[in-house]
Amino acid sequence: MLMNGQPLILVIEQSLHDLELLNSHLGILNFSCICTKQGVRAVMLAQTHQPDLILLDMKLSNLSANQVIDDLKHDSKTATIPIIAVTHLRTVDDRSTMLTAFDDCITKPDDFNQLEVVISRHISQLNS
């Protein structure tokens, strides 16, 4: 759902530092962001705001990333929102496994060029 004419991205990130970094960089790229460190809150925010895209850290404390995905994919309001994994996993096998549950994945430390390409690809698919 566009916010102020900009695509809305829900950022779910355990690390406050990484959360602030992602929020800042996405703002520079003209995306509106809603941010949280908590999986339970993330599900509620997604249901309420219906973002255009979700960035999901694989390491959450109060609700696993897999449970967040399951909750979102089984809710008619959020089932079609693309979810991109944000992870430290780097091998081809790790990536293949991730893509069975996620629409895409990016690796940490964040490669902002990769982030921009992946997000732009999914946002443009929504607009076509």
N, C-alpha and C. Protein backbone atom coordinates (compact mmCIF):
# COMPACT_ATOMS: atom_id res chain seq x y z
N MET A 1 0.85 -1.16 0.00
CA MET A 1 0.00 0.00 0.00
C MET A 1 0.90 1.24 0.00
N LEU A 2 0.72 2.08 -0.96
CA LEU A 2 1.55 3.28 -1.06
C LEU A 2 1.28 4.21 0.12
N MET A 3 2.35 4.81 0.62
CA MET A 3 2.24 5.80 1.68
C MET A 3 2.88 7.07 1.16
N ASN A 4 2.11 8.14 1.07
CA ASN A 4 2.60 9.40 0.52
C ASN A 4 3.17 9.21 -0.89
N GLY A 5 2.55 8.32 -1.67
CA GLY A 5 2.99 8.08 -3.04
C GLY A 5 4.22 7.20 -3.16
N GLN A 6 4.74 6.72 -2.04
CA GLN A 6 5.94 5.88 -2.05
C GLN A 6 5.56 4.46 -1.65
N PRO A 7 6.23 3.44 -2.24
CA PRO A 7 5.99 2.07 -1.80
C PRO A 7 6.32 1.92 -0.32
N LEU A 8 5.51 1.14 0.38
CA LEU A 8 5.68 0.93 1.81
C LEU A 8 6.36 -0.41 2.06
N ILE A 9 7.44 -0.38 2.83
CA ILE A 9 8.20 -1.59 3.15
C ILE A 9 8.19 -1.79 4.66
N LEU A 10 7.85 -3.01 5.07
CA LEU A 10 7.93 -3.40 6.48
C LEU A 10 9.28 -4.04 6.70
N VAL A 11 10.08 -3.48 7.60
CA VAL A 11 11.41 -3.99 7.91
C VAL A 11 11.35 -4.65 9.29
N ILE A 12 11.66 -5.95 9.33
CA ILE A 12 11.68 -6.71 10.58
C ILE A 12 13.12 -7.13 10.80
N GLU A 13 13.78 -6.54 11.77
CA GLU A 13 15.22 -6.73 11.97
C GLU A 13 15.54 -6.78 13.45
N GLN A 14 16.21 -7.83 13.90
CA GLN A 14 16.56 -8.03 15.30
C GLN A 14 17.56 -6.97 15.80
N SER A 15 18.54 -6.65 14.99
CA SER A 15 19.60 -5.71 15.38
C SER A 15 19.13 -4.27 15.20
N LEU A 16 19.15 -3.50 16.27
CA LEU A 16 18.75 -2.09 16.19
C LEU A 16 19.64 -1.34 15.20
N HIS A 17 20.93 -1.62 15.21
CA HIS A 17 21.86 -0.98 14.28
C HIS A 17 21.46 -1.26 12.83
N ASP A 18 21.23 -2.53 12.51
CA ASP A 18 20.85 -2.89 11.14
C ASP A 18 19.49 -2.33 10.77
N LEU A 19 18.58 -2.29 11.74
CA LEU A 19 17.24 -1.73 11.51
C LEU A 19 17.34 -0.26 11.12
N GLU A 20 18.14 0.49 11.87
CA GLU A 20 18.31 1.92 11.58
C GLU A 20 19.02 2.13 10.24
N LEU A 21 19.99 1.29 9.95
CA LEU A 21 20.73 1.38 8.68
C LEU A 21 19.80 1.11 7.49
N LEU A 22 19.00 0.05 7.58
CA LEU A 22 18.05 -0.26 6.51
C LEU A 22 17.02 0.85 6.34
N ASN A 23 16.47 1.33 7.45
CA ASN A 23 15.47 2.39 7.40
C ASN A 23 16.05 3.64 6.72
N SER A 24 17.25 4.01 7.08
CA SER A 24 17.90 5.18 6.50
C SER A 24 18.14 4.99 5.00
N HIS A 25 18.68 3.85 4.63
CA HIS A 25 18.99 3.61 3.22
C HIS A 25 17.72 3.54 2.38
N LEU A 26 16.69 2.89 2.89
CA LEU A 26 15.43 2.80 2.15
C LEU A 26 14.78 4.17 1.99
N GLY A 27 14.94 5.03 2.99
CA GLY A 27 14.44 6.40 2.89
C GLY A 27 15.14 7.17 1.78
N ILE A 28 16.45 6.97 1.66
CA ILE A 28 17.22 7.61 0.59
C ILE A 28 16.71 7.15 -0.78
N LEU A 29 16.26 5.90 -0.85
CA LEU A 29 15.74 5.35 -2.11
C LEU A 29 14.26 5.68 -2.34
N ASN A 30 13.72 6.56 -1.50
CA ASN A 30 12.32 7.01 -1.61
C ASN A 30 11.29 5.93 -1.32
N PHE A 31 11.59 5.06 -0.35
CA PHE A 31 10.61 4.10 0.13
C PHE A 31 10.17 4.55 1.52
N SER A 32 8.90 4.38 1.82
CA SER A 32 8.41 4.60 3.18
C SER A 32 8.60 3.29 3.95
N CYS A 33 8.95 3.39 5.23
CA CYS A 33 9.22 2.20 6.02
C CYS A 33 8.44 2.18 7.32
N ILE A 34 8.08 0.98 7.71
CA ILE A 34 7.59 0.70 9.05
C ILE A 34 8.60 -0.31 9.59
N CYS A 35 9.11 -0.09 10.79
CA CYS A 35 10.17 -0.94 11.31
C CYS A 35 9.79 -1.54 12.66
N THR A 36 10.25 -2.78 12.89
CA THR A 36 10.07 -3.42 14.18
C THR A 36 11.17 -4.47 14.38
N LYS A 37 11.43 -4.77 15.64
CA LYS A 37 12.38 -5.81 16.00
C LYS A 37 11.66 -7.10 16.39
N GLN A 38 10.35 -7.06 16.49
CA GLN A 38 9.59 -8.18 17.05
C GLN A 38 8.70 -8.85 16.00
N GLY A 39 8.77 -10.18 15.96
CA GLY A 39 7.97 -10.95 15.02
C GLY A 39 6.48 -10.80 15.23
N VAL A 40 6.03 -10.85 16.48
CA VAL A 40 4.60 -10.73 16.78
C VAL A 40 4.07 -9.38 16.30
N ARG A 41 4.81 -8.33 16.60
CA ARG A 41 4.42 -6.99 16.17
C ARG A 41 4.45 -6.88 14.64
N ALA A 42 5.40 -7.55 14.02
CA ALA A 42 5.51 -7.51 12.56
C ALA A 42 4.26 -8.05 11.89
N VAL A 43 3.74 -9.15 12.40
CA VAL A 43 2.52 -9.74 11.83
C VAL A 43 1.37 -8.74 11.95
N MET A 44 1.24 -8.12 13.13
CA MET A 44 0.18 -7.14 13.35
C MET A 44 0.34 -5.94 12.40
N LEU A 45 1.57 -5.44 12.26
CA LEU A 45 1.82 -4.29 11.38
C LEU A 45 1.51 -4.64 9.92
N ALA A 46 1.87 -5.83 9.51
CA ALA A 46 1.59 -6.25 8.13
C ALA A 46 0.09 -6.34 7.88
N GLN A 47 -0.64 -6.87 8.84
CA GLN A 47 -2.10 -6.98 8.69
C GLN A 47 -2.75 -5.60 8.65
N THR A 48 -2.25 -4.68 9.46
CA THR A 48 -2.83 -3.34 9.56
C THR A 48 -2.49 -2.48 8.35
N HIS A 49 -1.21 -2.46 7.96
CA HIS A 49 -0.73 -1.53 6.93
C HIS A 49 -0.62 -2.13 5.54
N GLN A 50 -0.62 -3.44 5.43
CA GLN A 50 -0.49 -4.15 4.16
C GLN A 50 0.61 -3.54 3.28
N PRO A 51 1.86 -3.67 3.71
CA PRO A 51 2.98 -3.08 2.96
C PRO A 51 3.13 -3.73 1.58
N ASP A 52 3.86 -3.04 0.72
CA ASP A 52 4.13 -3.56 -0.62
C ASP A 52 5.15 -4.69 -0.59
N LEU A 53 6.00 -4.69 0.45
CA LEU A 53 7.09 -5.65 0.53
C LEU A 53 7.52 -5.77 1.99
N ILE A 54 8.05 -6.94 2.35
CA ILE A 54 8.55 -7.17 3.72
C ILE A 54 9.99 -7.64 3.65
N LEU A 55 10.87 -7.02 4.44
CA LEU A 55 12.24 -7.48 4.65
C LEU A 55 12.27 -8.15 6.01
N LEU A 56 12.64 -9.43 6.05
CA LEU A 56 12.56 -10.21 7.29
C LEU A 56 13.90 -10.79 7.67
N ASP A 57 14.43 -10.34 8.81
CA ASP A 57 15.65 -10.90 9.39
C ASP A 57 15.37 -12.34 9.81
N MET A 58 16.29 -13.24 9.56
CA MET A 58 16.10 -14.64 9.91
C MET A 58 16.30 -14.91 11.39
N LYS A 59 16.87 -13.98 12.13
CA LYS A 59 17.15 -14.17 13.56
C LYS A 59 16.27 -13.25 14.39
N LEU A 60 15.11 -13.73 14.80
CA LEU A 60 14.22 -12.94 15.65
C LEU A 60 14.14 -13.59 17.02
N SER A 61 13.83 -12.79 18.04
CA SER A 61 13.85 -13.33 19.40
C SER A 61 12.51 -13.88 19.88
N ASN A 62 11.42 -13.18 19.66
CA ASN A 62 10.17 -13.60 20.30
C ASN A 62 9.27 -14.46 19.42
N LEU A 63 9.51 -14.52 18.14
CA LEU A 63 8.74 -15.35 17.22
C LEU A 63 9.66 -15.63 16.05
N SER A 64 9.83 -16.90 15.70
CA SER A 64 10.79 -17.25 14.65
C SER A 64 10.36 -16.68 13.30
N ALA A 65 11.34 -16.47 12.45
CA ALA A 65 11.06 -15.97 11.10
C ALA A 65 10.12 -16.93 10.37
N ASN A 66 10.32 -18.23 10.58
CA ASN A 66 9.44 -19.21 9.94
C ASN A 66 8.00 -19.08 10.41
N GLN A 67 7.81 -18.78 11.69
CA GLN A 67 6.45 -18.59 12.20
C GLN A 67 5.83 -17.31 11.65
N VAL A 68 6.65 -16.26 11.51
CA VAL A 68 6.16 -15.01 10.92
C VAL A 68 5.69 -15.28 9.49
N ILE A 69 6.51 -15.98 8.71
CA ILE A 69 6.13 -16.31 7.33
C ILE A 69 4.83 -17.10 7.30
N ASP A 70 4.75 -18.11 8.15
CA ASP A 70 3.57 -18.96 8.20
C ASP A 70 2.32 -18.13 8.51
N ASP A 71 2.43 -17.26 9.52
CA ASP A 71 1.29 -16.41 9.89
C ASP A 71 0.88 -15.50 8.74
N LEU A 72 1.86 -14.91 8.06
CA LEU A 72 1.57 -13.98 6.97
C LEU A 72 0.99 -14.69 5.75
N LYS A 73 1.53 -15.85 5.41
CA LYS A 73 1.07 -16.57 4.22
C LYS A 73 -0.31 -17.20 4.41
N HIS A 74 -0.74 -17.38 5.66
CA HIS A 74 -2.06 -17.96 5.93
C HIS A 74 -3.12 -16.91 6.26
N ASP A 75 -2.81 -15.66 6.04
CA ASP A 75 -3.77 -14.57 6.27
C ASP A 75 -4.09 -13.95 4.92
N SER A 76 -5.36 -13.88 4.58
CA SER A 76 -5.74 -13.37 3.25
C SER A 76 -5.29 -11.93 3.01
N LYS A 77 -5.13 -11.14 4.07
CA LYS A 77 -4.70 -9.75 3.92
C LYS A 77 -3.22 -9.64 3.54
N THR A 78 -2.43 -10.64 3.93
CA THR A 78 -0.97 -10.53 3.77
C THR A 78 -0.36 -11.64 2.91
N ALA A 79 -1.15 -12.58 2.46
CA ALA A 79 -0.64 -13.77 1.77
C ALA A 79 0.14 -13.46 0.51
N THR A 80 -0.18 -12.38 -0.17
CA THR A 80 0.48 -12.09 -1.46
C THR A 80 1.62 -11.08 -1.35
N ILE A 81 1.90 -10.60 -0.15
CA ILE A 81 2.99 -9.62 0.02
C ILE A 81 4.33 -10.34 -0.15
N PRO A 82 5.20 -9.86 -1.05
CA PRO A 82 6.52 -10.48 -1.20
C PRO A 82 7.34 -10.33 0.09
N ILE A 83 8.00 -11.43 0.49
CA ILE A 83 8.83 -11.43 1.69
C ILE A 83 10.26 -11.76 1.27
N ILE A 84 11.18 -10.87 1.63
CA ILE A 84 12.59 -11.04 1.31
C ILE A 84 13.35 -11.34 2.59
N ALA A 85 14.08 -12.45 2.60
CA ALA A 85 14.89 -12.83 3.75
C ALA A 85 16.14 -11.97 3.80
N VAL A 86 16.50 -11.54 5.01
CA VAL A 86 17.74 -10.82 5.25
C VAL A 86 18.55 -11.74 6.17
N THR A 87 19.69 -12.25 5.67
CA THR A 87 20.38 -13.32 6.37
C THR A 87 21.90 -13.25 6.22
N HIS A 88 22.58 -13.98 7.09
CA HIS A 88 24.04 -14.12 6.99
C HIS A 88 24.42 -15.31 6.12
N LEU A 89 23.46 -16.16 5.76
CA LEU A 89 23.74 -17.35 4.96
C LEU A 89 24.24 -16.95 3.58
N ARG A 90 25.30 -17.63 3.12
CA ARG A 90 25.93 -17.18 1.88
C ARG A 90 26.08 -18.27 0.81
N THR A 91 25.93 -19.54 1.15
CA THR A 91 26.18 -20.58 0.16
C THR A 91 24.99 -20.74 -0.79
N VAL A 92 25.24 -21.36 -1.93
CA VAL A 92 24.19 -21.59 -2.91
C VAL A 92 23.11 -22.49 -2.32
N ASP A 93 23.51 -23.52 -1.56
CA ASP A 93 22.53 -24.41 -0.93
C ASP A 93 21.66 -23.65 0.06
N ASP A 94 22.29 -22.77 0.86
CA ASP A 94 21.52 -21.96 1.81
C ASP A 94 20.51 -21.10 1.06
N ARG A 95 20.94 -20.48 -0.01
CA ARG A 95 20.06 -19.60 -0.79
C ARG A 95 18.90 -20.41 -1.40
N SER A 96 19.19 -21.58 -1.93
CA SER A 96 18.13 -22.41 -2.51
C SER A 96 17.10 -22.79 -1.47
N THR A 97 17.56 -23.13 -0.28
CA THR A 97 16.64 -23.47 0.81
C THR A 97 15.80 -22.27 1.18
N MET A 98 16.41 -21.10 1.27
CA MET A 98 15.69 -19.88 1.63
C MET A 98 14.58 -19.57 0.63
N LEU A 99 14.86 -19.79 -0.64
CA LEU A 99 13.91 -19.40 -1.68
C LEU A 99 12.69 -20.31 -1.74
N THR A 100 12.71 -21.42 -1.00
CA THR A 100 11.50 -22.24 -0.94
C THR A 100 10.44 -21.57 -0.07
N ALA A 101 10.85 -20.76 0.89
CA ALA A 101 9.91 -20.09 1.79
C ALA A 101 9.75 -18.60 1.48
N PHE A 102 10.79 -18.00 0.91
CA PHE A 102 10.81 -16.56 0.67
C PHE A 102 10.71 -16.26 -0.82
N ASP A 103 10.36 -15.03 -1.14
CA ASP A 103 10.32 -14.61 -2.53
C ASP A 103 11.71 -14.25 -3.05
N ASP A 104 12.62 -13.92 -2.13
CA ASP A 104 13.99 -13.57 -2.50
C ASP A 104 14.79 -13.50 -1.22
N CYS A 105 16.10 -13.32 -1.34
CA CYS A 105 16.91 -13.12 -0.14
C CYS A 105 18.11 -12.24 -0.45
N ILE A 106 18.55 -11.53 0.58
CA ILE A 106 19.77 -10.73 0.50
C ILE A 106 20.63 -11.11 1.69
N THR A 107 21.93 -10.93 1.56
CA THR A 107 22.84 -11.32 2.62
C THR A 107 23.35 -10.12 3.40
N LYS A 108 23.69 -10.37 4.67
CA LYS A 108 24.31 -9.35 5.52
C LYS A 108 25.81 -9.57 5.46
N PRO A 109 26.66 -8.60 5.69
CA PRO A 109 26.26 -7.22 5.85
C PRO A 109 25.59 -6.74 4.57
N ASP A 110 24.67 -5.86 4.75
CA ASP A 110 23.82 -5.46 3.64
C ASP A 110 24.62 -4.86 2.49
N ASP A 111 24.42 -5.45 1.33
CA ASP A 111 24.94 -4.91 0.08
C ASP A 111 23.82 -4.03 -0.46
N PHE A 112 23.97 -2.72 -0.31
CA PHE A 112 22.87 -1.82 -0.63
C PHE A 112 22.54 -1.79 -2.12
N ASN A 113 23.52 -2.08 -2.97
CA ASN A 113 23.22 -2.19 -4.40
C ASN A 113 22.32 -3.40 -4.64
N GLN A 114 22.67 -4.54 -4.01
CA GLN A 114 21.85 -5.75 -4.13
C GLN A 114 20.46 -5.50 -3.56
N LEU A 115 20.39 -4.83 -2.43
CA LEU A 115 19.12 -4.52 -1.79
C LEU A 115 18.23 -3.71 -2.74
N GLU A 116 18.80 -2.69 -3.35
CA GLU A 116 18.03 -1.84 -4.26
C GLU A 116 17.52 -2.63 -5.47
N VAL A 117 18.37 -3.48 -6.04
CA VAL A 117 17.99 -4.28 -7.20
C VAL A 117 16.85 -5.24 -6.85
N VAL A 118 16.99 -5.94 -5.74
CA VAL A 118 15.98 -6.93 -5.33
C VAL A 118 14.65 -6.25 -5.03
N ILE A 119 14.68 -5.16 -4.26
CA ILE A 119 13.44 -4.46 -3.92
C ILE A 119 12.80 -3.88 -5.18
N SER A 120 13.58 -3.25 -6.03
CA SER A 120 13.03 -2.65 -7.25
C SER A 120 12.38 -3.71 -8.14
N ARG A 121 12.99 -4.88 -8.21
CA ARG A 121 12.42 -5.96 -9.03
C ARG A 121 11.03 -6.35 -8.51
N HIS A 122 10.90 -6.50 -7.21
CA HIS A 122 9.62 -6.92 -6.64
C HIS A 122 8.58 -5.81 -6.69
N ILE A 123 9.00 -4.57 -6.47
CA ILE A 123 8.06 -3.44 -6.54
C ILE A 123 7.56 -3.27 -7.98
N SER A 124 8.45 -3.42 -8.97
CA SER A 124 8.02 -3.26 -10.36
C SER A 124 7.06 -4.38 -10.77
N GLN A 125 7.23 -5.58 -10.22
CA GLN A 125 6.29 -6.67 -10.50
C GLN A 125 4.91 -6.35 -9.94
N LEU A 126 4.86 -5.67 -8.81
CA LEU A 126 3.58 -5.29 -8.22
C LEU A 126 2.86 -4.27 -9.08
N ASN A 127 3.63 -3.42 -9.74
CA ASN A 127 3.05 -2.34 -10.54
C ASN A 127 2.72 -2.75 -11.97
N SER A 128 3.06 -3.99 -12.34
CA SER A 128 2.79 -4.41 -13.73
C SER A 128 1.55 -5.26 -13.84
